[in-house]
Amino acid sequence: MDMAHMIASGMGGIRTAGDLVARMEYAKNMKIDKAKEYVAKKLGLSTLDIADEHIMRDLREELKIGVVTGLPGAPRGIAAKMNIEKLLDIKINSCEKFRQSLKN
């Protein structure tokens, strides 16, 4: 997990789209350029815009995919991850485990 954190932080992590790009690198075995293009397309932005903290802050709030500082009523943790799953069309292990725990 240290490596994933380092890569996501390098692009700003949750401040921009670094966490989303890192997820695509691992979930779909994409190279960084393809992962950035995929995320940008899903967000309706350019690859330059996904690295802009101001643009991404507003978009992350709007899409409910988590922001650095807590906002009252905004999804955090597993709720934000579930929104990321839908947005990127991927499965996240912690979300799957959470769904399984609800069934039991």
PDB file of N, CA and C in Angstrom:
ATOM      1  N   MET A   1       0.824  -1.199   0.000  1.00  0.00           N
ATOM      2  CA  MET A   1       0.000   0.000   0.000  1.00  0.00           C
ATOM      3  C   MET A   1       0.863   1.256   0.000  1.00  0.00           C
ATOM      4  N   ASP A   2       2.079   1.167   0.525  1.00  0.00           N
ATOM      5  CA  ASP A   2       2.944   2.341   0.542  1.00  0.00           C
ATOM      6  C   ASP A   2       3.188   2.882  -0.859  1.00  0.00           C
ATOM      7  N   MET A   3       3.419   1.996  -1.815  1.00  0.00           N
ATOM      8  CA  MET A   3       3.697   2.413  -3.181  1.00  0.00           C
ATOM      9  C   MET A   3       2.466   3.096  -3.798  1.00  0.00           C
ATOM     10  N   ALA A   4       1.298   2.518  -3.595  1.00  0.00           N
ATOM     11  CA  ALA A   4       0.067   3.115  -4.133  1.00  0.00           C
ATOM     12  C   ALA A   4      -0.145   4.506  -3.548  1.00  0.00           C
ATOM     13  N   HIS A   5       0.116   4.636  -2.258  1.00  0.00           N
ATOM     14  CA  HIS A   5      -0.041   5.938  -1.606  1.00  0.00           C
ATOM     15  C   HIS A   5       0.947   6.943  -2.192  1.00  0.00           C
ATOM     16  N   MET A   6       2.188   6.510  -2.412  1.00  0.00           N
ATOM     17  CA  MET A   6       3.200   7.399  -2.957  1.00  0.00           C
ATOM     18  C   MET A   6       2.819   7.884  -4.355  1.00  0.00           C
ATOM     19  N   ILE A   7       2.335   6.977  -5.181  1.00  0.00           N
ATOM     20  CA  ILE A   7       1.950   7.343  -6.546  1.00  0.00           C
ATOM     21  C   ILE A   7       0.764   8.296  -6.530  1.00  0.00           C
ATOM     22  N   ALA A   8      -0.250   7.980  -5.728  1.00  0.00           N
ATOM     23  CA  ALA A   8      -1.432   8.838  -5.657  1.00  0.00           C
ATOM     24  C   ALA A   8      -1.075  10.220  -5.115  1.00  0.00           C
ATOM     25  N   SER A   9      -0.210  10.274  -4.141  1.00  0.00           N
ATOM     26  CA  SER A   9       0.197  11.550  -3.561  1.00  0.00           C
ATOM     27  C   SER A   9       0.998  12.384  -4.548  1.00  0.00           C
ATOM     28  N   GLY A  10       1.736  11.722  -5.422  1.00  0.00           N
ATOM     29  CA  GLY A  10       2.551  12.428  -6.394  1.00  0.00           C
ATOM     30  C   GLY A  10       1.734  13.290  -7.335  1.00  0.00           C
ATOM     31  N   MET A  11       0.505  12.927  -7.591  1.00  0.00           N
ATOM     32  CA  MET A  11      -0.348  13.724  -8.463  1.00  0.00           C
ATOM     33  C   MET A  11      -1.322  14.553  -7.637  1.00  0.00           C
ATOM     34  N   GLY A  12      -1.119  14.606  -6.352  1.00  0.00           N
ATOM     35  CA  GLY A  12      -2.002  15.385  -5.503  1.00  0.00           C
ATOM     36  C   GLY A  12      -3.005  14.532  -4.749  1.00  0.00           C
ATOM     37  N   GLY A  13      -2.976  13.221  -4.987  1.00  0.00           N
ATOM     38  CA  GLY A  13      -3.893  12.334  -4.277  1.00  0.00           C
ATOM     39  C   GLY A  13      -5.324  12.789  -4.402  1.00  0.00           C
ATOM     40  N   ILE A  14      -6.000  12.913  -3.294  1.00  0.00           N
ATOM     41  CA  ILE A  14      -7.405  13.301  -3.279  1.00  0.00           C
ATOM     42  C   ILE A  14      -7.579  14.807  -3.523  1.00  0.00           C
ATOM     43  N   ARG A  15      -6.507  15.562  -3.506  1.00  0.00           N
ATOM     44  CA  ARG A  15      -6.603  16.995  -3.825  1.00  0.00           C
ATOM     45  C   ARG A  15      -6.942  17.186  -5.301  1.00  0.00           C
ATOM     46  N   THR A  16      -6.485  16.273  -6.138  1.00  0.00           N
ATOM     47  CA  THR A  16      -6.787  16.348  -7.566  1.00  0.00           C
ATOM     48  C   THR A  16      -7.418  15.021  -7.969  1.00  0.00           C
ATOM     49  N   ALA A  17      -6.801  14.307  -8.904  1.00  0.00           N
ATOM     50  CA  ALA A  17      -7.347  13.016  -9.335  1.00  0.00           C
ATOM     51  C   ALA A  17      -6.323  11.900  -9.199  1.00  0.00           C
ATOM     52  N   GLY A  18      -5.285  12.128  -8.414  1.00  0.00           N
ATOM     53  CA  GLY A  18      -4.228  11.131  -8.257  1.00  0.00           C
ATOM     54  C   GLY A  18      -4.725   9.802  -7.739  1.00  0.00           C
ATOM     55  N   ASP A  19      -5.660   9.833  -6.795  1.00  0.00           N
ATOM     56  CA  ASP A  19      -6.187   8.582  -6.269  1.00  0.00           C
ATOM     57  C   ASP A  19      -6.980   7.829  -7.330  1.00  0.00           C
ATOM     58  N   LEU A  20      -7.701   8.549  -8.166  1.00  0.00           N
ATOM     59  CA  LEU A  20      -8.500   7.920  -9.219  1.00  0.00           C
ATOM     60  C   LEU A  20      -7.599   7.307 -10.286  1.00  0.00           C
ATOM     61  N   VAL A  21      -6.550   8.036 -10.652  1.00  0.00           N
ATOM     62  CA  VAL A  21      -5.593   7.535 -11.642  1.00  0.00           C
ATOM     63  C   VAL A  21      -4.900   6.287 -11.102  1.00  0.00           C
ATOM     64  N   ALA A  22      -4.467   6.327  -9.856  1.00  0.00           N
ATOM     65  CA  ALA A  22      -3.801   5.161  -9.250  1.00  0.00           C
ATOM     66  C   ALA A  22      -4.743   3.954  -9.219  1.00  0.00           C
ATOM     67  N   ARG A  23      -6.006   4.181  -8.932  1.00  0.00           N
ATOM     68  CA  ARG A  23      -6.973   3.069  -8.934  1.00  0.00           C
ATOM     69  C   ARG A  23      -7.055   2.416 -10.303  1.00  0.00           C
ATOM     70  N   MET A  24      -7.042   3.225 -11.353  1.00  0.00           N
ATOM     71  CA  MET A  24      -7.121   2.671 -12.703  1.00  0.00           C
ATOM     72  C   MET A  24      -5.837   1.935 -13.067  1.00  0.00           C
ATOM     73  N   GLU A  25      -4.711   2.430 -12.589  1.00  0.00           N
ATOM     74  CA  GLU A  25      -3.446   1.739 -12.849  1.00  0.00           C
ATOM     75  C   GLU A  25      -3.478   0.333 -12.258  1.00  0.00           C
ATOM     76  N   TYR A  26      -4.014   0.209 -11.062  1.00  0.00           N
ATOM     77  CA  TYR A  26      -4.043  -1.083 -10.390  1.00  0.00           C
ATOM     78  C   TYR A  26      -5.234  -1.939 -10.803  1.00  0.00           C
ATOM     79  N   ALA A  27      -6.406  -1.354 -10.920  1.00  0.00           N
ATOM     80  CA  ALA A  27      -7.610  -2.123 -11.228  1.00  0.00           C
ATOM     81  C   ALA A  27      -7.607  -2.657 -12.655  1.00  0.00           C
ATOM     82  N   LYS A  28      -7.132  -1.864 -13.598  1.00  0.00           N
ATOM     83  CA  LYS A  28      -7.181  -2.248 -15.013  1.00  0.00           C
ATOM     84  C   LYS A  28      -5.792  -2.419 -15.626  1.00  0.00           C
ATOM     85  N   ASN A  29      -4.765  -2.397 -14.773  1.00  0.00           N
ATOM     86  CA  ASN A  29      -3.384  -2.580 -15.227  1.00  0.00           C
ATOM     87  C   ASN A  29      -3.018  -1.588 -16.334  1.00  0.00           C
ATOM     88  N   MET A  30      -3.438  -0.351 -16.168  1.00  0.00           N
ATOM     89  CA  MET A  30      -3.171   0.696 -17.161  1.00  0.00           C
ATOM     90  C   MET A  30      -1.851   1.387 -16.865  1.00  0.00           C
ATOM     91  N   LYS A  31      -1.198   1.854 -17.901  1.00  0.00           N
ATOM     92  CA  LYS A  31      -0.043   2.735 -17.740  1.00  0.00           C
ATOM     93  C   LYS A  31      -0.575   4.101 -17.343  1.00  0.00           C
ATOM     94  N   ILE A  32       0.263   4.922 -16.746  1.00  0.00           N
ATOM     95  CA  ILE A  32      -0.198   6.192 -16.181  1.00  0.00           C
ATOM     96  C   ILE A  32      -0.866   7.105 -17.211  1.00  0.00           C
ATOM     97  N   ASP A  33      -0.316   7.183 -18.423  1.00  0.00           N
ATOM     98  CA  ASP A  33      -0.924   8.063 -19.434  1.00  0.00           C
ATOM     99  C   ASP A  33      -2.332   7.616 -19.803  1.00  0.00           C
ATOM    100  N   LYS A  34      -2.506   6.307 -19.981  1.00  0.00           N
ATOM    101  CA  LYS A  34      -3.838   5.768 -20.307  1.00  0.00           C
ATOM    102  C   LYS A  34      -4.794   5.951 -19.134  1.00  0.00           C
ATOM    103  N   ALA A  35      -4.296   5.758 -17.918  1.00  0.00           N
ATOM    104  CA  ALA A  35      -5.133   5.932 -16.729  1.00  0.00           C
ATOM    105  C   ALA A  35      -5.604   7.380 -16.603  1.00  0.00           C
ATOM    106  N   LYS A  36      -4.709   8.325 -16.866  1.00  0.00           N
ATOM    107  CA  LYS A  36      -5.090   9.745 -16.814  1.00  0.00           C
ATOM    108  C   LYS A  36      -6.143  10.050 -17.869  1.00  0.00           C
ATOM    109  N   GLU A  37      -5.951   9.534 -19.069  1.00  0.00           N
ATOM    110  CA  GLU A  37      -6.922   9.763 -20.146  1.00  0.00           C
ATOM    111  C   GLU A  37      -8.284   9.175 -19.782  1.00  0.00           C
ATOM    112  N   TYR A  38      -8.295   7.967 -19.224  1.00  0.00           N
ATOM    113  CA  TYR A  38      -9.543   7.299 -18.844  1.00  0.00           C
ATOM    114  C   TYR A  38     -10.284   8.124 -17.786  1.00  0.00           C
ATOM    115  N   VAL A  39      -9.566   8.530 -16.750  1.00  0.00           N
ATOM    116  CA  VAL A  39     -10.182   9.307 -15.669  1.00  0.00           C
ATOM    117  C   VAL A  39     -10.686  10.643 -16.198  1.00  0.00           C
ATOM    118  N   ALA A  40      -9.876  11.309 -17.001  1.00  0.00           N
ATOM    119  CA  ALA A  40     -10.288  12.604 -17.565  1.00  0.00           C
ATOM    120  C   ALA A  40     -11.559  12.452 -18.387  1.00  0.00           C
ATOM    121  N   LYS A  41     -11.629  11.401 -19.190  1.00  0.00           N
ATOM    122  CA  LYS A  41     -12.825  11.161 -20.009  1.00  0.00           C
ATOM    123  C   LYS A  41     -14.048  10.919 -19.124  1.00  0.00           C
ATOM    124  N   LYS A  42     -13.888  10.104 -18.086  1.00  0.00           N
ATOM    125  CA  LYS A  42     -15.009   9.823 -17.180  1.00  0.00           C
ATOM    126  C   LYS A  42     -15.486  11.086 -16.455  1.00  0.00           C
ATOM    127  N   LEU A  43     -14.549  11.985 -16.166  1.00  0.00           N
ATOM    128  CA  LEU A  43     -14.899  13.223 -15.471  1.00  0.00           C
ATOM    129  C   LEU A  43     -15.340  14.332 -16.414  1.00  0.00           C
ATOM    130  N   GLY A  44     -15.138  14.132 -17.712  1.00  0.00           N
ATOM    131  CA  GLY A  44     -15.493  15.148 -18.691  1.00  0.00           C
ATOM    132  C   GLY A  44     -14.528  16.323 -18.686  1.00  0.00           C
ATOM    133  N   LEU A  45     -13.268  16.048 -18.380  1.00  0.00           N
ATOM    134  CA  LEU A  45     -12.240  17.081 -18.299  1.00  0.00           C
ATOM    135  C   LEU A  45     -11.052  16.715 -19.183  1.00  0.00           C
ATOM    136  N   SER A  46     -10.114  17.632 -19.291  1.00  0.00           N
ATOM    137  CA  SER A  46      -8.864  17.326 -19.992  1.00  0.00           C
ATOM    138  C   SER A  46      -7.883  16.720 -18.988  1.00  0.00           C
ATOM    139  N   THR A  47      -6.813  16.129 -19.507  1.00  0.00           N
ATOM    140  CA  THR A  47      -5.814  15.543 -18.611  1.00  0.00           C
ATOM    141  C   THR A  47      -5.093  16.638 -17.809  1.00  0.00           C
ATOM    142  N   LEU A  48      -5.041  17.840 -18.320  1.00  0.00           N
ATOM    143  CA  LEU A  48      -4.465  18.943 -17.542  1.00  0.00           C
ATOM    144  C   LEU A  48      -5.400  19.371 -16.413  1.00  0.00           C
ATOM    145  N   ASP A  49      -6.697  19.379 -16.688  1.00  0.00           N
ATOM    146  CA  ASP A  49      -7.670  19.803 -15.675  1.00  0.00           C
ATOM    147  C   ASP A  49      -7.726  18.861 -14.476  1.00  0.00           C
ATOM    148  N   ILE A  50      -7.474  17.577 -14.676  1.00  0.00           N
ATOM    149  CA  ILE A  50      -7.568  16.644 -13.541  1.00  0.00           C
ATOM    150  C   ILE A  50      -6.425  16.844 -12.546  1.00  0.00           C
ATOM    151  N   ALA A  51      -5.425  17.621 -12.920  1.00  0.00           N
ATOM    152  CA  ALA A  51      -4.325  17.929 -12.013  1.00  0.00           C
ATOM    153  C   ALA A  51      -4.487  19.302 -11.365  1.00  0.00           C
ATOM    154  N   ASP A  52      -5.590  19.973 -11.623  1.00  0.00           N
ATOM    155  CA  ASP A  52      -5.845  21.305 -11.067  1.00  0.00           C
ATOM    156  C   ASP A  52      -6.670  21.166  -9.781  1.00  0.00           C
ATOM    157  N   GLU A  53      -6.090  21.605  -8.662  1.00  0.00           N
ATOM    158  CA  GLU A  53      -6.747  21.453  -7.361  1.00  0.00           C
ATOM    159  C   GLU A  53      -8.087  22.174  -7.265  1.00  0.00           C
ATOM    160  N   HIS A  54      -8.206  23.324  -7.869  1.00  0.00           N
ATOM    161  CA  HIS A  54      -9.444  24.108  -7.763  1.00  0.00           C
ATOM    162  C   HIS A  54     -10.579  23.467  -8.561  1.00  0.00           C
ATOM    163  N   ILE A  55     -10.277  23.045  -9.771  1.00  0.00           N
ATOM    164  CA  ILE A  55     -11.291  22.379 -10.595  1.00  0.00           C
ATOM    165  C   ILE A  55     -11.735  21.089  -9.927  1.00  0.00           C
ATOM    166  N   MET A  56     -10.765  20.303  -9.478  1.00  0.00           N
ATOM    167  CA  MET A  56     -11.092  18.997  -8.901  1.00  0.00           C
ATOM    168  C   MET A  56     -11.820  19.115  -7.569  1.00  0.00           C
ATOM    169  N   ARG A  57     -11.528  20.124  -6.785  1.00  0.00           N
ATOM    170  CA  ARG A  57     -12.226  20.291  -5.508  1.00  0.00           C
ATOM    171  C   ARG A  57     -13.732  20.422  -5.749  1.00  0.00           C
ATOM    172  N   ASP A  58     -14.094  21.304  -6.657  1.00  0.00           N
ATOM    173  CA  ASP A  58     -15.511  21.502  -6.959  1.00  0.00           C
ATOM    174  C   ASP A  58     -16.138  20.248  -7.554  1.00  0.00           C
ATOM    175  N   LEU A  59     -15.431  19.608  -8.463  1.00  0.00           N
ATOM    176  CA  LEU A  59     -15.961  18.414  -9.113  1.00  0.00           C
ATOM    177  C   LEU A  59     -16.088  17.254  -8.134  1.00  0.00           C
ATOM    178  N   ARG A  60     -15.099  17.079  -7.263  1.00  0.00           N
ATOM    179  CA  ARG A  60     -15.161  16.006  -6.267  1.00  0.00           C
ATOM    180  C   ARG A  60     -16.355  16.203  -5.327  1.00  0.00           C
ATOM    181  N   GLU A  61     -16.619  17.452  -4.957  1.00  0.00           N
ATOM    182  CA  GLU A  61     -17.792  17.737  -4.119  1.00  0.00           C
ATOM    183  C   GLU A  61     -19.072  17.391  -4.875  1.00  0.00           C
ATOM    184  N   GLU A  62     -19.156  17.834  -6.122  1.00  0.00           N
ATOM    185  CA  GLU A  62     -20.349  17.608  -6.942  1.00  0.00           C
ATOM    186  C   GLU A  62     -20.609  16.113  -7.168  1.00  0.00           C
ATOM    187  N   LEU A  63     -19.549  15.348  -7.454  1.00  0.00           N
ATOM    188  CA  LEU A  63     -19.691  13.912  -7.728  1.00  0.00           C
ATOM    189  C   LEU A  63     -19.731  13.058  -6.468  1.00  0.00           C
ATOM    190  N   LYS A  64     -19.484  13.690  -5.326  1.00  0.00           N
ATOM    191  CA  LYS A  64     -19.501  13.006  -4.031  1.00  0.00           C
ATOM    192  C   LYS A  64     -18.479  11.863  -3.974  1.00  0.00           C
ATOM    193  N   ILE A  65     -17.250  12.181  -4.416  1.00  0.00           N
ATOM    194  CA  ILE A  65     -16.195  11.160  -4.413  1.00  0.00           C
ATOM    195  C   ILE A  65     -15.090  11.489  -3.414  1.00  0.00           C
ATOM    196  N   GLY A  66     -15.384  12.333  -2.454  1.00  0.00           N
ATOM    197  CA  GLY A  66     -14.448  12.629  -1.375  1.00  0.00           C
ATOM    198  C   GLY A  66     -13.579  13.842  -1.631  1.00  0.00           C
ATOM    199  N   VAL A  67     -13.350  14.590  -0.559  1.00  0.00           N
ATOM    200  CA  VAL A  67     -12.466  15.753  -0.588  1.00  0.00           C
ATOM    201  C   VAL A  67     -11.560  15.682   0.639  1.00  0.00           C
ATOM    202  N   VAL A  68     -10.499  16.477   0.624  1.00  0.00           N
ATOM    203  CA  VAL A  68      -9.520  16.427   1.714  1.00  0.00           C
ATOM    204  C   VAL A  68     -10.142  16.842   3.037  1.00  0.00           C
ATOM    205  N   THR A  69     -10.806  17.975   3.048  1.00  0.00           N
ATOM    206  CA  THR A  69     -11.422  18.456   4.289  1.00  0.00           C
ATOM    207  C   THR A  69     -12.863  17.987   4.345  1.00  0.00           C
ATOM    208  N   GLY A  70     -13.296  17.616   5.521  1.00  0.00           N
ATOM    209  CA  GLY A  70     -14.657  17.127   5.677  1.00  0.00           C
ATOM    210  C   GLY A  70     -15.695  18.203   5.442  1.00  0.00           C
ATOM    211  N   LEU A  71     -16.748  17.829   4.781  1.00  0.00           N
ATOM    212  CA  LEU A  71     -17.874  18.727   4.570  1.00  0.00           C
ATOM    213  C   LEU A  71     -19.099  18.104   5.223  1.00  0.00           C
ATOM    214  N   PRO A  72     -19.866  18.885   5.951  1.00  0.00           N
ATOM    215  CA  PRO A  72     -21.061  18.331   6.583  1.00  0.00           C
ATOM    216  C   PRO A  72     -21.990  17.691   5.540  1.00  0.00           C
ATOM    217  N   GLY A  73     -22.345  16.462   5.786  1.00  0.00           N
ATOM    218  CA  GLY A  73     -23.268  15.751   4.901  1.00  0.00           C
ATOM    219  C   GLY A  73     -22.627  15.143   3.662  1.00  0.00           C
ATOM    220  N   ALA A  74     -21.357  15.427   3.409  1.00  0.00           N
ATOM    221  CA  ALA A  74     -20.678  14.874   2.225  1.00  0.00           C
ATOM    222  C   ALA A  74     -20.210  13.451   2.521  1.00  0.00           C
ATOM    223  N   PRO A  75     -20.280  12.573   1.514  1.00  0.00           N
ATOM    224  CA  PRO A  75     -19.828  11.203   1.737  1.00  0.00           C
ATOM    225  C   PRO A  75     -18.325  11.148   2.016  1.00  0.00           C
ATOM    226  N   ARG A  76     -17.966  10.244   2.914  1.00  0.00           N
ATOM    227  CA  ARG A  76     -16.560   9.990   3.243  1.00  0.00           C
ATOM    228  C   ARG A  76     -16.373   8.485   3.261  1.00  0.00           C
ATOM    229  N   GLY A  77     -15.147   8.075   3.292  1.00  0.00           N
ATOM    230  CA  GLY A  77     -14.823   6.672   3.462  1.00  0.00           C
ATOM    231  C   GLY A  77     -15.485   5.774   2.444  1.00  0.00           C
ATOM    232  N   ILE A  78     -16.159   4.747   2.946  1.00  0.00           N
ATOM    233  CA  ILE A  78     -16.736   3.721   2.085  1.00  0.00           C
ATOM    234  C   ILE A  78     -17.809   4.289   1.161  1.00  0.00           C
ATOM    235  N   ALA A  79     -18.565   5.279   1.614  1.00  0.00           N
ATOM    236  CA  ALA A  79     -19.595   5.888   0.766  1.00  0.00           C
ATOM    237  C   ALA A  79     -18.962   6.583  -0.437  1.00  0.00           C
ATOM    238  N   ALA A  80     -17.878   7.302  -0.211  1.00  0.00           N
ATOM    239  CA  ALA A  80     -17.176   7.962  -1.315  1.00  0.00           C
ATOM    240  C   ALA A  80     -16.571   6.924  -2.256  1.00  0.00           C
ATOM    241  N   LYS A  81     -16.021   5.839  -1.680  1.00  0.00           N
ATOM    242  CA  LYS A  81     -15.439   4.781  -2.515  1.00  0.00           C
ATOM    243  C   LYS A  81     -16.499   4.123  -3.390  1.00  0.00           C
ATOM    244  N   MET A  82     -17.693   3.954  -2.882  1.00  0.00           N
ATOM    245  CA  MET A  82     -18.767   3.357  -3.682  1.00  0.00           C
ATOM    246  C   MET A  82     -19.143   4.275  -4.846  1.00  0.00           C
ATOM    247  N   ASN A  83     -19.093   5.571  -4.624  1.00  0.00           N
ATOM    248  CA  ASN A  83     -19.341   6.515  -5.716  1.00  0.00           C
ATOM    249  C   ASN A  83     -18.215   6.471  -6.747  1.00  0.00           C
ATOM    250  N   ILE A  84     -16.985   6.263  -6.289  1.00  0.00           N
ATOM    251  CA  ILE A  84     -15.844   6.130  -7.195  1.00  0.00           C
ATOM    252  C   ILE A  84     -16.001   4.870  -8.044  1.00  0.00           C
ATOM    253  N   GLU A  85     -16.454   3.789  -7.430  1.00  0.00           N
ATOM    254  CA  GLU A  85     -16.703   2.539  -8.170  1.00  0.00           C
ATOM    255  C   GLU A  85     -17.642   2.785  -9.347  1.00  0.00           C
ATOM    256  N   LYS A  86     -18.741   3.449  -9.076  1.00  0.00           N
ATOM    257  CA  LYS A  86     -19.725   3.728 -10.128  1.00  0.00           C
ATOM    258  C   LYS A  86     -19.142   4.625 -11.207  1.00  0.00           C
ATOM    259  N   LEU A  87     -18.451   5.654 -10.792  1.00  0.00           N
ATOM    260  CA  LEU A  87     -17.886   6.626 -11.724  1.00  0.00           C
ATOM    261  C   LEU A  87     -16.879   5.980 -12.674  1.00  0.00           C
ATOM    262  N   LEU A  88     -15.991   5.153 -12.136  1.00  0.00           N
ATOM    263  CA  LEU A  88     -14.909   4.578 -12.935  1.00  0.00           C
ATOM    264  C   LEU A  88     -15.220   3.188 -13.499  1.00  0.00           C
ATOM    265  N   ASP A  89     -16.374   2.650 -13.176  1.00  0.00           N
ATOM    266  CA  ASP A  89     -16.746   1.297 -13.623  1.00  0.00           C
ATOM    267  C   ASP A  89     -15.717   0.256 -13.191  1.00  0.00           C
ATOM    268  N   ILE A  90     -15.394   0.270 -11.906  1.00  0.00           N
ATOM    269  CA  ILE A  90     -14.457  -0.710 -11.356  1.00  0.00           C
ATOM    270  C   ILE A  90     -15.043  -1.282 -10.071  1.00  0.00           C
ATOM    271  N   LYS A  91     -14.422  -2.322  -9.578  1.00  0.00           N
ATOM    272  CA  LYS A  91     -14.777  -2.885  -8.277  1.00  0.00           C
ATOM    273  C   LYS A  91     -13.653  -2.558  -7.309  1.00  0.00           C
ATOM    274  N   ILE A  92     -14.012  -2.145  -6.107  1.00  0.00           N
ATOM    275  CA  ILE A  92     -13.044  -1.845  -5.055  1.00  0.00           C
ATOM    276  C   ILE A  92     -13.246  -2.887  -3.965  1.00  0.00           C
ATOM    277  N   ASN A  93     -12.152  -3.551  -3.587  1.00  0.00           N
ATOM    278  CA  ASN A  93     -12.230  -4.659  -2.632  1.00  0.00           C
ATOM    279  C   ASN A  93     -12.936  -4.288  -1.337  1.00  0.00           C
ATOM    280  N   SER A  94     -12.626  -3.142  -0.765  1.00  0.00           N
ATOM    281  CA  SER A  94     -13.246  -2.770   0.507  1.00  0.00           C
ATOM    282  C   SER A  94     -14.759  -2.577   0.355  1.00  0.00           C
ATOM    283  N   CYS A  95     -15.194  -2.117  -0.810  1.00  0.00           N
ATOM    284  CA  CYS A  95     -16.632  -1.965  -1.059  1.00  0.00           C
ATOM    285  C   CYS A  95     -17.298  -3.331  -1.168  1.00  0.00           C
ATOM    286  N   GLU A  96     -16.623  -4.254  -1.848  1.00  0.00           N
ATOM    287  CA  GLU A  96     -17.140  -5.613  -1.970  1.00  0.00           C
ATOM    288  C   GLU A  96     -17.271  -6.260  -0.591  1.00  0.00           C
ATOM    289  N   LYS A  97     -16.248  -6.109   0.232  1.00  0.00           N
ATOM    290  CA  LYS A  97     -16.284  -6.689   1.589  1.00  0.00           C
ATOM    291  C   LYS A  97     -17.390  -6.056   2.415  1.00  0.00           C
ATOM    292  N   PHE A  98     -17.591  -4.759   2.254  1.00  0.00           N
ATOM    293  CA  PHE A  98     -18.662  -4.083   2.983  1.00  0.00           C
ATOM    294  C   PHE A  98     -20.019  -4.626   2.565  1.00  0.00           C
ATOM    295  N   ARG A  99     -20.224  -4.808   1.254  1.00  0.00           N
ATOM    296  CA  ARG A  99     -21.489  -5.374   0.769  1.00  0.00           C
ATOM    297  C   ARG A  99     -21.706  -6.784   1.316  1.00  0.00           C
ATOM    298  N   GLN A 100     -20.645  -7.571   1.370  1.00  0.00           N
ATOM    299  CA  GLN A 100     -20.748  -8.924   1.908  1.00  0.00           C
ATOM    300  C   GLN A 100     -21.147  -8.903   3.378  1.00  0.00           C
ATOM    301  N   SER A 101     -20.578  -7.951   4.125  1.00  0.00           N
ATOM    302  CA  SER A 101     -20.899  -7.879   5.564  1.00  0.00           C
ATOM    303  C   SER A 101     -22.352  -7.468   5.776  1.00  0.00           C
ATOM    304  N   LEU A 102     -22.926  -6.727   4.840  1.00  0.00           N
ATOM    305  CA  LEU A 102     -24.341  -6.354   4.946  1.00  0.00           C
ATOM    306  C   LEU A 102     -25.264  -7.542   4.701  1.00  0.00           C
ATOM    307  N   LYS A 103     -24.812  -8.473   3.876  1.00  0.00           N
ATOM    308  CA  LYS A 103     -25.618  -9.665   3.576  1.00  0.00           C
ATOM    309  C   LYS A 103     -25.652 -10.641   4.738  1.00  0.00           C
ATOM    310  N   ASN A 104     -24.608 -10.627   5.558  1.00  0.00           N
ATOM    311  CA  ASN A 104     -24.518 -11.600   6.671  1.00  0.00           C
ATOM    312  C   ASN A 104     -25.268 -11.172   7.866  1.00  0.00           C
TER     313      ASN A 104
END
